[in-house]
PDB file of N, CA and C in Angstrom:
ATOM      1  N   MET A   1      45.209 167.723 -94.700  1.00  0.00           N
ATOM      2  CA  MET A   1      46.573 167.870 -94.105  1.00  0.00           C
ATOM      3  C   MET A   1      46.412 167.065 -92.744  1.00  0.00           C
ATOM      4  N   LEU A   2      47.504 166.573 -92.325  1.00  0.00           N
ATOM      5  CA  LEU A   2      47.706 165.832 -91.170  1.00  0.00           C
ATOM      6  C   LEU A   2      48.901 166.456 -90.320  1.00  0.00           C
ATOM      7  N   ALA A   3      48.677 166.824 -89.102  1.00  0.00           N
ATOM      8  CA  ALA A   3      49.739 167.258 -88.229  1.00  0.00           C
ATOM      9  C   ALA A   3      50.109 166.233 -87.221  1.00  0.00           C
ATOM     10  N   CYS A   4      51.396 166.057 -87.045  1.00  0.00           N
ATOM     11  CA  CYS A   4      51.894 165.050 -86.149  1.00  0.00           C
ATOM     12  C   CYS A   4      52.875 165.684 -85.138  1.00  0.00           C
ATOM     13  N   LEU A   5      52.778 165.379 -83.801  1.00  0.00           N
ATOM     14  CA  LEU A   5      53.827 165.755 -82.840  1.00  0.00           C
ATOM     15  C   LEU A   5      54.460 164.549 -82.163  1.00  0.00           C
ATOM     16  N   PHE A   6      55.745 164.603 -82.266  1.00  0.00           N
ATOM     17  CA  PHE A   6      56.512 163.388 -81.783  1.00  0.00           C
ATOM     18  C   PHE A   6      57.546 163.843 -80.879  1.00  0.00           C
ATOM     19  N   ILE A   7      57.538 163.341 -79.630  1.00  0.00           N
ATOM     20  CA  ILE A   7      58.563 163.691 -78.596  1.00  0.00           C
ATOM     21  C   ILE A   7      59.466 162.524 -78.222  1.00  0.00           C
ATOM     22  N   PHE A   8      60.695 162.800 -78.348  1.00  0.00           N
ATOM     23  CA  PHE A   8      61.733 161.682 -78.167  1.00  0.00           C
ATOM     24  C   PHE A   8      62.738 162.244 -77.283  1.00  0.00           C
ATOM     25  N   ASN A   9      62.960 161.710 -76.048  1.00  0.00           N
ATOM     26  CA  ASN A   9      63.789 162.294 -74.974  1.00  0.00           C
ATOM     27  C   ASN A   9      63.359 163.688 -74.752  1.00  0.00           C
ATOM     28  N   THR A  10      64.162 164.692 -74.962  1.00  0.00           N
ATOM     29  CA  THR A  10      63.776 166.135 -74.638  1.00  0.00           C
ATOM     30  C   THR A  10      63.644 166.847 -75.976  1.00  0.00           C
ATOM     31  N   ASN A  11      63.699 166.169 -77.049  1.00  0.00           N
ATOM     32  CA  ASN A  11      63.505 166.843 -78.366  1.00  0.00           C
ATOM     33  C   ASN A  11      61.975 166.675 -78.801  1.00  0.00           C
ATOM     34  N   ILE A  12      61.536 167.721 -79.409  1.00  0.00           N
ATOM     35  CA  ILE A  12      60.032 167.706 -79.846  1.00  0.00           C
ATOM     36  C   ILE A  12      60.197 167.942 -81.327  1.00  0.00           C
ATOM     37  N   TYR A  13      59.525 166.952 -82.141  1.00  0.00           N
ATOM     38  CA  TYR A  13      59.466 167.079 -83.705  1.00  0.00           C
ATOM     39  C   TYR A  13      58.075 167.338 -84.057  1.00  0.00           C
ATOM     40  N   ILE A  14      57.881 168.216 -84.978  1.00  0.00           N
ATOM     41  CA  ILE A  14      56.515 168.498 -85.396  1.00  0.00           C
ATOM     42  C   ILE A  14      56.548 168.379 -86.966  1.00  0.00           C
ATOM     43  N   GLY A  15      55.625 167.527 -87.442  1.00  0.00           N
ATOM     44  CA  GLY A  15      55.473 167.277 -88.934  1.00  0.00           C
ATOM     45  C   GLY A  15      54.103 167.639 -89.354  1.00  0.00           C
ATOM     46  N   ILE A  16      53.980 168.265 -90.634  1.00  0.00           N
ATOM     47  CA  ILE A  16      52.775 168.417 -91.212  1.00  0.00           C
ATOM     48  C   ILE A  16      52.867 167.825 -92.515  1.00  0.00           C
ATOM     49  N   PHE A  17      51.810 166.844 -92.849  1.00  0.00           N
ATOM     50  CA  PHE A  17      51.876 166.086 -94.101  1.00  0.00           C
ATOM     51  C   PHE A  17      50.627 166.477 -94.962  1.00  0.00           C
ATOM     52  N   LYS A  18      50.892 166.370 -96.270  1.00  0.00           N
ATOM     53  CA  LYS A  18      49.793 166.496 -97.115  1.00  0.00           C
ATOM     54  C   LYS A  18      49.241 165.187 -97.604  1.00  0.00           C
ATOM     55  N   MET A  19      48.129 164.996 -97.536  1.00  0.00           N
ATOM     56  CA  MET A  19      47.496 163.699 -97.926  1.00  0.00           C
ATOM     57  C   MET A  19      46.894 163.862 -99.304  1.00  0.00           C
ATOM     58  N   ASP A  20      47.499 163.034-100.324  1.00  0.00           N
ATOM     59  CA  ASP A  20      46.929 162.986-101.691  1.00  0.00           C
ATOM     60  C   ASP A  20      45.986 161.782-101.798  1.00  0.00           C
ATOM     61  N   THR A  21      45.176 161.890-102.781  1.00  0.00           N
ATOM     62  CA  THR A  21      44.244 160.755-103.048  1.00  0.00           C
ATOM     63  C   THR A  21      44.882 159.635-103.721  1.00  0.00           C
ATOM     64  N   GLN A  22      46.163 159.802-104.288  1.00  0.00           N
ATOM     65  CA  GLN A  22      46.951 158.839-104.914  1.00  0.00           C
ATOM     66  C   GLN A  22      47.214 157.780-103.911  1.00  0.00           C
ATOM     67  N   GLN A  23      47.841 156.725-104.507  1.00  0.00           N
ATOM     68  CA  GLN A  23      48.336 155.627-103.729  1.00  0.00           C
ATOM     69  C   GLN A  23      49.606 156.057-103.136  1.00  0.00           C
ATOM     70  N   GLN A  24      49.694 155.911-101.772  1.00  0.00           N
ATOM     71  CA  GLN A  24      50.876 156.447-100.873  1.00  0.00           C
ATOM     72  C   GLN A  24      51.712 155.265-100.622  1.00  0.00           C
ATOM     73  N   LYS A  25      52.989 155.438-100.577  1.00  0.00           N
ATOM     74  CA  LYS A  25      53.993 154.481-100.152  1.00  0.00           C
ATOM     75  C   LYS A  25      54.054 154.546 -98.611  1.00  0.00           C
ATOM     76  N   ILE A  26      54.113 153.420 -98.025  1.00  0.00           N
ATOM     77  CA  ILE A  26      54.061 153.396 -96.667  1.00  0.00           C
ATOM     78  C   ILE A  26      55.552 152.834 -96.157  1.00  0.00           C
ATOM     79  N   GLY A  27      56.110 153.500 -95.078  1.00  0.00           N
ATOM     80  CA  GLY A  27      57.357 152.962 -94.563  1.00  0.00           C
ATOM     81  C   GLY A  27      57.151 152.753 -93.060  1.00  0.00           C
ATOM     82  N   THR A  28      58.194 152.275 -92.375  1.00  0.00           N
ATOM     83  CA  THR A  28      58.038 152.038 -90.939  1.00  0.00           C
ATOM     84  C   THR A  28      59.013 152.874 -90.199  1.00  0.00           C
ATOM     85  N   LEU A  29      58.674 153.710 -89.346  1.00  0.00           N
ATOM     86  CA  LEU A  29      59.514 154.520 -88.559  1.00  0.00           C
ATOM     87  C   LEU A  29      59.900 153.816 -87.356  1.00  0.00           C
ATOM     88  N   VAL A  30      61.173 153.669 -86.963  1.00  0.00           N
ATOM     89  CA  VAL A  30      61.793 152.776 -85.874  1.00  0.00           C
ATOM     90  C   VAL A  30      62.548 153.793 -85.116  1.00  0.00           C
ATOM     91  N   VAL A  31      62.261 153.883 -83.692  1.00  0.00           N
ATOM     92  CA  VAL A  31      62.951 154.701 -82.687  1.00  0.00           C
ATOM     93  C   VAL A  31      63.480 153.588 -81.777  1.00  0.00           C
ATOM     94  N   TYR A  32      64.809 153.657 -81.482  1.00  0.00           N
ATOM     95  CA  TYR A  32      65.208 152.740 -80.385  1.00  0.00           C
ATOM     96  C   TYR A  32      65.791 153.553 -79.266  1.00  0.00           C
ATOM     97  N   ASN A  33      65.781 152.869 -78.078  1.00  0.00           N
ATOM     98  CA  ASN A  33      66.232 153.452 -76.887  1.00  0.00           C
ATOM     99  C   ASN A  33      67.219 152.450 -76.146  1.00  0.00           C
ATOM    100  N   LEU A  34      68.455 152.905 -75.868  1.00  0.00           N
ATOM    101  CA  LEU A  34      69.470 152.132 -75.191  1.00  0.00           C
ATOM    102  C   LEU A  34      69.599 152.390 -73.618  1.00  0.00           C
ATOM    103  N   THR A  35      68.677 153.208 -73.159  1.00  0.00           N
ATOM    104  CA  THR A  35      68.810 153.425 -71.653  1.00  0.00           C
ATOM    105  C   THR A  35      68.563 152.095 -70.906  1.00  0.00           C
ATOM    106  N   GLY A  36      69.305 151.863 -69.930  1.00  0.00           N
ATOM    107  CA  GLY A  36      69.231 150.611 -69.020  1.00  0.00           C
ATOM    108  C   GLY A  36      70.314 149.653 -69.411  1.00  0.00           C
ATOM    109  N   LEU A  37      71.074 149.889 -70.460  1.00  0.00           N
ATOM    110  CA  LEU A  37      72.157 149.034 -70.978  1.00  0.00           C
ATOM    111  C   LEU A  37      73.479 149.639 -70.351  1.00  0.00           C
ATOM    112  N   SER A  38      74.410 148.734 -70.067  1.00  0.00           N
ATOM    113  CA  SER A  38      75.741 149.223 -69.688  1.00  0.00           C
ATOM    114  C   SER A  38      76.340 149.891 -70.946  1.00  0.00           C
ATOM    115  N   GLN A  39      77.479 150.581 -70.706  1.00  0.00           N
ATOM    116  CA  GLN A  39      78.104 151.220 -71.736  1.00  0.00           C
ATOM    117  C   GLN A  39      78.798 150.191 -72.809  1.00  0.00           C
ATOM    118  N   SER A  40      79.342 149.057 -72.249  1.00  0.00           N
ATOM    119  CA  SER A  40      79.974 148.130 -73.129  1.00  0.00           C
ATOM    120  C   SER A  40      78.843 147.435 -73.940  1.00  0.00           C
ATOM    121  N   ASP A  41      77.550 147.300 -73.332  1.00  0.00           N
ATOM    122  CA  ASP A  41      76.509 146.567 -74.198  1.00  0.00           C
ATOM    123  C   ASP A  41      75.979 147.623 -75.203  1.00  0.00           C
ATOM    124  N   ARG A  42      76.018 148.889 -74.930  1.00  0.00           N
ATOM    125  CA  ARG A  42      75.691 149.880 -75.896  1.00  0.00           C
ATOM    126  C   ARG A  42      76.541 149.898 -77.055  1.00  0.00           C
ATOM    127  N   ASN A  43      77.912 149.927 -76.828  1.00  0.00           N
ATOM    128  CA  ASN A  43      78.965 149.845 -77.832  1.00  0.00           C
ATOM    129  C   ASN A  43      78.833 148.601 -78.721  1.00  0.00           C
ATOM    130  N   ARG A  44      78.629 147.483 -78.076  1.00  0.00           N
ATOM    131  CA  ARG A  44      78.527 146.226 -78.754  1.00  0.00           C
ATOM    132  C   ARG A  44      77.281 146.317 -79.735  1.00  0.00           C
ATOM    133  N   PHE A  45      76.219 146.783 -79.250  1.00  0.00           N
ATOM    134  CA  PHE A  45      74.913 146.813 -80.153  1.00  0.00           C
ATOM    135  C   PHE A  45      75.190 147.822 -81.265  1.00  0.00           C
ATOM    136  N   CYS A  46      75.712 148.961 -80.925  1.00  0.00           N
ATOM    137  CA  CYS A  46      75.861 149.978 -81.945  1.00  0.00           C
ATOM    138  C   CYS A  46      76.811 149.533 -83.010  1.00  0.00           C
ATOM    139  N   ARG A  47      77.872 148.870 -82.619  1.00  0.00           N
ATOM    140  CA  ARG A  47      78.820 148.269 -83.652  1.00  0.00           C
ATOM    141  C   ARG A  47      78.127 147.206 -84.535  1.00  0.00           C
ATOM    142  N   LYS A  48      77.302 146.440 -83.966  1.00  0.00           N
ATOM    143  CA  LYS A  48      76.560 145.423 -84.776  1.00  0.00           C
ATOM    144  C   LYS A  48      75.560 146.067 -85.650  1.00  0.00           C
ATOM    145  N   PHE A  49      74.962 147.036 -85.143  1.00  0.00           N
ATOM    146  CA  PHE A  49      73.688 147.635 -85.946  1.00  0.00           C
ATOM    147  C   PHE A  49      74.291 148.831 -86.874  1.00  0.00           C
ATOM    148  N   LEU A  50      75.230 149.620 -86.509  1.00  0.00           N
ATOM    149  CA  LEU A  50      75.558 150.816 -87.410  1.00  0.00           C
ATOM    150  C   LEU A  50      76.988 150.530 -88.028  1.00  0.00           C
ATOM    151  N   GLY A  51      77.645 149.572 -87.507  1.00  0.00           N
ATOM    152  CA  GLY A  51      79.124 149.378 -88.077  1.00  0.00           C
ATOM    153  C   GLY A  51      80.011 150.480 -87.418  1.00  0.00           C
ATOM    154  N   TRP A  52      81.305 150.373 -87.851  1.00  0.00           N
ATOM    155  CA  TRP A  52      82.282 151.280 -87.237  1.00  0.00           C
ATOM    156  C   TRP A  52      83.464 151.467 -88.189  1.00  0.00           C
ATOM    157  N   SER A  53      84.319 152.464 -87.995  1.00  0.00           N
ATOM    158  CA  SER A  53      85.579 152.686 -88.627  1.00  0.00           C
ATOM    159  C   SER A  53      86.665 152.102 -87.838  1.00  0.00           C
ATOM    160  N   ASP A  54      87.335 151.224 -88.449  1.00  0.00           N
ATOM    161  CA  ASP A  54      88.565 150.651 -87.857  1.00  0.00           C
ATOM    162  C   ASP A  54      89.862 151.169 -88.356  1.00  0.00           C
ATOM    163  N   LYS A  55      90.626 151.558 -87.453  1.00  0.00           N
ATOM    164  CA  LYS A  55      91.951 152.241 -87.873  1.00  0.00           C
ATOM    165  C   LYS A  55      93.187 151.406 -87.468  1.00  0.00           C
ATOM    166  N   SER A  56      94.130 151.321 -88.403  1.00  0.00           N
ATOM    167  CA  SER A  56      95.482 150.728 -88.195  1.00  0.00           C
ATOM    168  C   SER A  56      96.601 151.421 -88.494  1.00  0.00           C
ATOM    169  N   GLN A  57      97.765 150.969 -88.052  1.00  0.00           N
ATOM    170  CA  GLN A  57      99.025 151.665 -88.245  1.00  0.00           C
ATOM    171  C   GLN A  57      98.937 153.188 -87.870  1.00  0.00           C
ATOM    172  N   TYR A  58      98.573 153.430 -86.645  1.00  0.00           N
ATOM    173  CA  TYR A  58      98.342 154.812 -86.035  1.00  0.00           C
ATOM    174  C   TYR A  58      97.608 155.688 -87.079  1.00  0.00           C
ATOM    175  N   SER A  59      96.404 155.228 -87.525  1.00  0.00           N
ATOM    176  CA  SER A  59      95.394 155.896 -88.258  1.00  0.00           C
ATOM    177  C   SER A  59      95.892 156.135 -89.572  1.00  0.00           C
ATOM    178  N   LYS A  60      96.813 155.430 -90.150  1.00  0.00           N
ATOM    179  CA  LYS A  60      97.371 155.497 -91.544  1.00  0.00           C
ATOM    180  C   LYS A  60      96.303 154.949 -92.500  1.00  0.00           C
ATOM    181  N   TYR A  61      95.638 153.908 -91.965  1.00  0.00           N
ATOM    182  CA  TYR A  61      94.715 153.034 -92.746  1.00  0.00           C
ATOM    183  C   TYR A  61      93.417 153.128 -92.018  1.00  0.00           C
ATOM    184  N   THR A  62      92.342 153.301 -92.799  1.00  0.00           N
ATOM    185  CA  THR A  62      90.952 153.307 -92.272  1.00  0.00           C
ATOM    186  C   THR A  62      90.086 152.307 -93.009  1.00  0.00           C
ATOM    187  N   TYR A  63      89.392 151.559 -92.265  1.00  0.00           N
ATOM    188  CA  TYR A  63      88.535 150.450 -92.845  1.00  0.00           C
ATOM    189  C   TYR A  63      87.127 150.698 -92.255  1.00  0.00           C
ATOM    190  N   LYS A  64      86.203 150.561 -93.182  1.00  0.00           N
ATOM    191  CA  LYS A  64      84.750 150.706 -92.656  1.00  0.00           C
ATOM    192  C   LYS A  64      84.218 149.343 -92.425  1.00  0.00           C
ATOM    193  N   ARG A  65      83.861 149.028 -91.275  1.00  0.00           N
ATOM    194  CA  ARG A  65      83.344 147.779 -90.962  1.00  0.00           C
ATOM    195  C   ARG A  65      81.798 147.949 -90.939  1.00  0.00           C
ATOM    196  N   LYS A  66      81.144 146.997 -91.801  1.00  0.00           N
ATOM    197  CA  LYS A  66      79.742 147.217 -92.059  1.00  0.00           C
ATOM    198  C   LYS A  66      78.929 146.613 -90.829  1.00  0.00           C
ATOM    199  N   GLY A  67      77.729 147.183 -90.618  1.00  0.00           N
ATOM    200  CA  GLY A  67      76.808 146.887 -89.643  1.00  0.00           C
ATOM    201  C   GLY A  67      75.533 146.226 -90.297  1.00  0.00           C
ATOM    202  N   PHE A  68      74.700 145.941 -89.510  1.00  0.00           N
ATOM    203  CA  PHE A  68      73.358 145.341 -89.960  1.00  0.00           C
ATOM    204  C   PHE A  68      72.643 146.311 -90.960  1.00  0.00           C
ATOM    205  N   ILE A  69      72.655 147.656 -90.492  1.00  0.00           N
ATOM    206  CA  ILE A  69      71.838 148.598 -91.324  1.00  0.00           C
ATOM    207  C   ILE A  69      72.414 148.870 -92.672  1.00  0.00           C
ATOM    208  N   ASP A  70      73.707 148.505 -92.925  1.00  0.00           N
ATOM    209  CA  ASP A  70      74.260 148.847 -94.183  1.00  0.00           C
ATOM    210  C   ASP A  70      73.765 147.941 -95.244  1.00  0.00           C
ATOM    211  N   GLU A  71      73.144 146.728 -94.908  1.00  0.00           N
ATOM    212  CA  GLU A  71      72.520 145.802 -95.921  1.00  0.00           C
ATOM    213  C   GLU A  71      71.065 146.246 -96.281  1.00  0.00           C
ATOM    214  N   ILE A  72      70.440 147.145 -95.513  1.00  0.00           N
ATOM    215  CA  ILE A  72      69.050 147.480 -95.707  1.00  0.00           C
ATOM    216  C   ILE A  72      69.033 148.957 -96.118  1.00  0.00           C
ATOM    217  N   PRO A  73      68.255 149.211 -97.042  1.00  0.00           N
ATOM    218  CA  PRO A  73      67.948 150.757 -97.546  1.00  0.00           C
ATOM    219  C   PRO A  73      67.111 151.314 -96.320  1.00  0.00           C
ATOM    220  N   HIS A  74      67.515 152.625 -95.953  1.00  0.00           N
ATOM    221  CA  HIS A  74      66.982 153.322 -94.809  1.00  0.00           C
ATOM    222  C   HIS A  74      67.147 154.722 -94.987  1.00  0.00           C
ATOM    223  N   VAL A  75      66.384 155.541 -94.257  1.00  0.00           N
ATOM    224  CA  VAL A  75      66.601 157.054 -94.131  1.00  0.00           C
ATOM    225  C   VAL A  75      66.909 157.231 -92.659  1.00  0.00           C
ATOM    226  N   ASN A  76      67.871 157.977 -92.434  1.00  0.00           N
ATOM    227  CA  ASN A  76      68.392 158.303 -91.016  1.00  0.00           C
ATOM    228  C   ASN A  76      67.883 159.641 -90.799  1.00  0.00           C
ATOM    229  N   VAL A  77      66.646 159.594 -89.941  1.00  0.00           N
ATOM    230  CA  VAL A  77      66.007 160.904 -89.644  1.00  0.00           C
ATOM    231  C   VAL A  77      66.804 161.696 -88.616  1.00  0.00           C
ATOM    232  N   GLU A  78      67.137 160.995 -87.468  1.00  0.00           N
ATOM    233  CA  GLU A  78      67.855 161.685 -86.359  1.00  0.00           C
ATOM    234  C   GLU A  78      68.588 160.561 -85.758  1.00  0.00           C
ATOM    235  N   ARG A  79      69.271 160.930 -84.654  1.00  0.00           N
ATOM    236  CA  ARG A  79      70.154 159.993 -83.928  1.00  0.00           C
ATOM    237  C   ARG A  79      69.073 158.930 -83.446  1.00  0.00           C
ATOM    238  N   ALA A  80      69.142 157.699 -83.537  1.00  0.00           N
ATOM    239  CA  ALA A  80      68.320 156.460 -83.218  1.00  0.00           C
ATOM    240  C   ALA A  80      66.861 156.612 -83.697  1.00  0.00           C
ATOM    241  N   ILE A  81      66.754 157.261 -84.909  1.00  0.00           N
ATOM    242  CA  ILE A  81      65.446 157.311 -85.518  1.00  0.00           C
ATOM    243  C   ILE A  81      65.636 156.959 -86.901  1.00  0.00           C
ATOM    244  N   PHE A  82      65.084 155.971 -87.498  1.00  0.00           N
ATOM    245  CA  PHE A  82      65.174 155.516 -88.911  1.00  0.00           C
ATOM    246  C   PHE A  82      63.826 155.299 -89.453  1.00  0.00           C
ATOM    247  N   ILE A  83      63.856 155.332 -90.769  1.00  0.00           N
ATOM    248  CA  ILE A  83      62.621 154.877 -91.614  1.00  0.00           C
ATOM    249  C   ILE A  83      63.165 153.797 -92.616  1.00  0.00           C
ATOM    250  N   PHE A  84      62.338 152.677 -92.547  1.00  0.00           N
ATOM    251  CA  PHE A  84      62.663 151.597 -93.434  1.00  0.00           C
ATOM    252  C   PHE A  84      61.573 151.215 -94.283  1.00  0.00           C
ATOM    253  N   ARG A  85      61.801 150.489 -95.314  1.00  0.00           N
ATOM    254  CA  ARG A  85      60.755 149.966 -96.123  1.00  0.00           C
ATOM    255  C   ARG A  85      59.749 149.026 -95.447  1.00  0.00           C
ATOM    256  N   LYS A  86      58.542 149.020 -95.668  1.00  0.00           N
ATOM    257  CA  LYS A  86      57.581 148.134 -94.907  1.00  0.00           C
ATOM    258  C   LYS A  86      58.117 146.818 -95.053  1.00  0.00           C
ATOM    259  N   GLU A  87      58.469 146.278 -96.213  1.00  0.00           N
ATOM    260  CA  GLU A  87      58.900 144.844 -96.361  1.00  0.00           C
ATOM    261  C   GLU A  87      60.114 144.554 -95.554  1.00  0.00           C
ATOM    262  N   ASP A  88      60.972 145.490 -95.264  1.00  0.00           N
ATOM    263  CA  ASP A  88      62.209 145.214 -94.338  1.00  0.00           C
ATOM    264  C   ASP A  88      61.960 145.405 -92.952  1.00  0.00           C
ATOM    265  N   ALA A  89      60.785 145.833 -92.538  1.00  0.00           N
ATOM    266  CA  ALA A  89      60.558 146.096 -91.182  1.00  0.00           C
ATOM    267  C   ALA A  89      60.636 144.852 -90.205  1.00  0.00           C
ATOM    268  N   GLU A  90      60.187 143.780 -90.709  1.00  0.00           N
ATOM    269  CA  GLU A  90      60.229 142.450 -89.983  1.00  0.00           C
ATOM    270  C   GLU A  90      61.630 142.116 -89.695  1.00  0.00           C
ATOM    271  N   LYS A  91      62.495 142.177 -90.580  1.00  0.00           N
ATOM    272  CA  LYS A  91      63.918 141.831 -90.374  1.00  0.00           C
ATOM    273  C   LYS A  91      64.502 142.747 -89.345  1.00  0.00           C
ATOM    274  N   VAL A  92      64.327 144.017 -89.477  1.00  0.00           N
ATOM    275  CA  VAL A  92      64.850 145.059 -88.550  1.00  0.00           C
ATOM    276  C   VAL A  92      64.249 144.801 -87.092  1.00  0.00           C
ATOM    277  N   LEU A  93      62.938 144.572 -86.978  1.00  0.00           N
ATOM    278  CA  LEU A  93      62.359 144.469 -85.668  1.00  0.00           C
ATOM    279  C   LEU A  93      62.917 143.168 -84.972  1.00  0.00           C
ATOM    280  N   SER A  94      63.202 142.073 -85.757  1.00  0.00           N
ATOM    281  CA  SER A  94      63.759 140.802 -85.204  1.00  0.00           C
ATOM    282  C   SER A  94      65.110 141.096 -84.681  1.00  0.00           C
ATOM    283  N   PHE A  95      65.853 141.897 -85.425  1.00  0.00           N
ATOM    284  CA  PHE A  95      67.302 142.227 -84.960  1.00  0.00           C
ATOM    285  C   PHE A  95      67.178 142.834 -83.577  1.00  0.00           C
ATOM    286  N   PHE A  96      66.224 143.880 -83.395  1.00  0.00           N
ATOM    287  CA  PHE A  96      66.175 144.576 -82.129  1.00  0.00           C
ATOM    288  C   PHE A  96      65.687 143.577 -81.055  1.00  0.00           C
ATOM    289  N   GLN A  97      64.843 142.646 -81.343  1.00  0.00           N
ATOM    290  CA  GLN A  97      64.310 141.874 -80.380  1.00  0.00           C
ATOM    291  C   GLN A  97      65.408 140.821 -79.997  1.00  0.00           C
ATOM    292  N   GLU A  98      66.267 140.328 -80.883  1.00  0.00           N
ATOM    293  CA  GLU A  98      67.349 139.460 -80.452  1.00  0.00           C
ATOM    294  C   GLU A  98      68.300 140.144 -79.510  1.00  0.00           C
ATOM    295  N   HIS A  99      68.441 141.480 -79.520  1.00  0.00           N
ATOM    296  CA  HIS A  99      69.344 142.110 -78.640  1.00  0.00           C
ATOM    297  C   HIS A  99      68.556 142.776 -77.497  1.00  0.00           C
ATOM    298  N   ASN A 100      67.345 142.533 -77.308  1.00  0.00           N
ATOM    299  CA  ASN A 100      66.411 143.001 -76.183  1.00  0.00           C
ATOM    300  C   ASN A 100      66.581 144.582 -76.156  1.00  0.00           C
ATOM    301  N   ILE A 101      66.281 145.277 -77.185  1.00  0.00           N
ATOM    302  CA  ILE A 101      66.384 146.708 -77.270  1.00  0.00           C
ATOM    303  C   ILE A 101      64.989 147.159 -77.284  1.00  0.00           C
ATOM    304  N   LYS A 102      64.732 148.300 -76.491  1.00  0.00           N
ATOM    305  CA  LYS A 102      63.363 148.893 -76.548  1.00  0.00           C
ATOM    306  C   LYS A 102      63.164 149.773 -77.745  1.00  0.00           C
ATOM    307  N   ILE A 103      62.045 149.519 -78.419  1.00  0.00           N
ATOM    308  CA  ILE A 103      61.769 150.236 -79.621  1.00  0.00           C
ATOM    309  C   ILE A 103      60.353 150.803 -79.682  1.00  0.00           C
ATOM    310  N   PHE A 104      60.247 151.807 -80.522  1.00  0.00           N
ATOM    311  CA  PHE A 104      58.944 152.503 -80.882  1.00  0.00           C
ATOM    312  C   PHE A 104      58.729 152.376 -82.319  1.00  0.00           C
ATOM    313  N   THR A 105      57.651 151.866 -82.857  1.00  0.00           N
ATOM    314  CA  THR A 105      57.437 151.812 -84.342  1.00  0.00           C
ATOM    315  C   THR A 105      56.111 152.424 -84.719  1.00  0.00           C
ATOM    316  N   ARG A 106      56.092 153.027 -85.905  1.00  0.00           N
ATOM    317  CA  ARG A 106      54.830 153.405 -86.602  1.00  0.00           C
ATOM    318  C   ARG A 106      54.953 153.448 -87.922  1.00  0.00           C
ATOM    319  N   ASP A 107      53.813 153.129 -88.640  1.00  0.00           N
ATOM    320  CA  ASP A 107      53.814 153.223 -90.035  1.00  0.00           C
ATOM    321  C   ASP A 107      53.605 154.713 -90.486  1.00  0.00           C
ATOM    322  N   VAL A 108      54.406 155.126 -91.457  1.00  0.00           N
ATOM    323  CA  VAL A 108      54.371 156.538 -91.874  1.00  0.00           C
ATOM    324  C   VAL A 108      54.264 156.495 -93.442  1.00  0.00           C
ATOM    325  N   ILE A 109      53.689 157.617 -93.895  1.00  0.00           N
ATOM    326  CA  ILE A 109      53.586 157.843 -95.237  1.00  0.00           C
ATOM    327  C   ILE A 109      54.871 158.586 -95.734  1.00  0.00           C
ATOM    328  N   LEU A 110      55.424 157.995 -96.841  1.00  0.00           N
ATOM    329  CA  LEU A 110      56.753 158.361 -97.300  1.00  0.00           C
ATOM    330  C   LEU A 110      56.600 159.536 -98.309  1.00  0.00           C
ATOM    331  N   GLU A 111      57.483 160.546 -98.216  1.00  0.00           N
ATOM    332  CA  GLU A 111      57.618 161.503 -99.172  1.00  0.00           C
ATOM    333  C   GLU A 111      58.332 161.074-100.435  1.00  0.00           C
ATOM    334  N   LYS A 112      58.350 161.787-101.564  1.00  0.00           N
ATOM    335  CA  LYS A 112      58.886 161.266-102.866  1.00  0.00           C
ATOM    336  C   LYS A 112      60.519 161.188-102.510  1.00  0.00           C
ATOM    337  N   SER A 113      61.122 162.019-101.828  1.00  0.00           N
ATOM    338  CA  SER A 113      62.501 161.997-101.644  1.00  0.00           C
ATOM    339  C   SER A 113      62.855 160.771-100.738  1.00  0.00           C
ATOM    340  N   ASP A 114      61.992 160.409 -99.895  1.00  0.00           N
ATOM    341  CA  ASP A 114      62.301 159.137 -98.940  1.00  0.00           C
ATOM    342  C   ASP A 114      62.037 157.917 -99.780  1.00  0.00           C
ATOM    343  N   VAL A 115      61.180 157.866-100.723  1.00  0.00           N
ATOM    344  CA  VAL A 115      60.875 156.739-101.639  1.00  0.00           C
ATOM    345  C   VAL A 115      62.143 156.573-102.495  1.00  0.00           C
ATOM    346  N   GLU A 116      62.717 157.655-103.102  1.00  0.00           N
ATOM    347  CA  GLU A 116      63.942 157.505-103.861  1.00  0.00           C
ATOM    348  C   GLU A 116      65.050 156.924-102.986  1.00  0.00           C
ATOM    349  N   LEU A 117      65.287 157.388-101.786  1.00  0.00           N
ATOM    350  CA  LEU A 117      66.370 156.877-100.997  1.00  0.00           C
ATOM    351  C   LEU A 117      66.195 155.329-100.652  1.00  0.00           C
ATOM    352  N   LEU A 118      64.950 154.928-100.513  1.00  0.00           N
ATOM    353  CA  LEU A 118      64.652 153.512-100.120  1.00  0.00           C
ATOM    354  C   LEU A 118      64.577 152.590-101.271  1.00  0.00           C
ATOM    355  N   LYS A 119      64.732 153.081-102.481  1.00  0.00           N
ATOM    356  CA  LYS A 119      64.695 152.228-103.707  1.00  0.00           C
ATOM    357  C   LYS A 119      65.988 151.425-103.745  1.00  0.00           C
ATOM    358  N   GLU A 120      67.052 151.967-103.143  1.00  0.00           N
ATOM    359  CA  GLU A 120      68.374 151.321-103.373  1.00  0.00           C
ATOM    360  C   GLU A 120      68.353 149.818-102.991  1.00  0.00           C
TER     361      GLU A 120
END
C-alpha cells in the first residue's frame, strides 16, 4: 500500500493506493494555479481551456462552446485538478506553457474506473 498526502490551497487530499504486481496504467496529474493573473486574463484562459456556455435571445438558446480540454480524454478530480493520459500530457503541458500558467504535475497510477474514462 502507498499513502499520499496532497495539499492544494487550503484543501488537504489524502489517498491510499493498493499496488498490484500487474502492469499498472500511468496517467499524469496536472494542477494549475491562476494566482497573479488579472480577472480578465483568468476568464480568457478558462474559456480557452474549459470552454463556456453561450446564450442568445435572452437565454432562449444555449450553445456549448468547446475548449481545449474537450478534445482530450481526462478525469476532472477537483477544481483545477485533472488527470490525463500519459501520451496526452505533452500537448496539455505545452498549452499551459503557451499561456504562462503555473502548473504542478505528477505521474499517478490509474484506477480501473479512471482507465475506462480515459479510453474515450
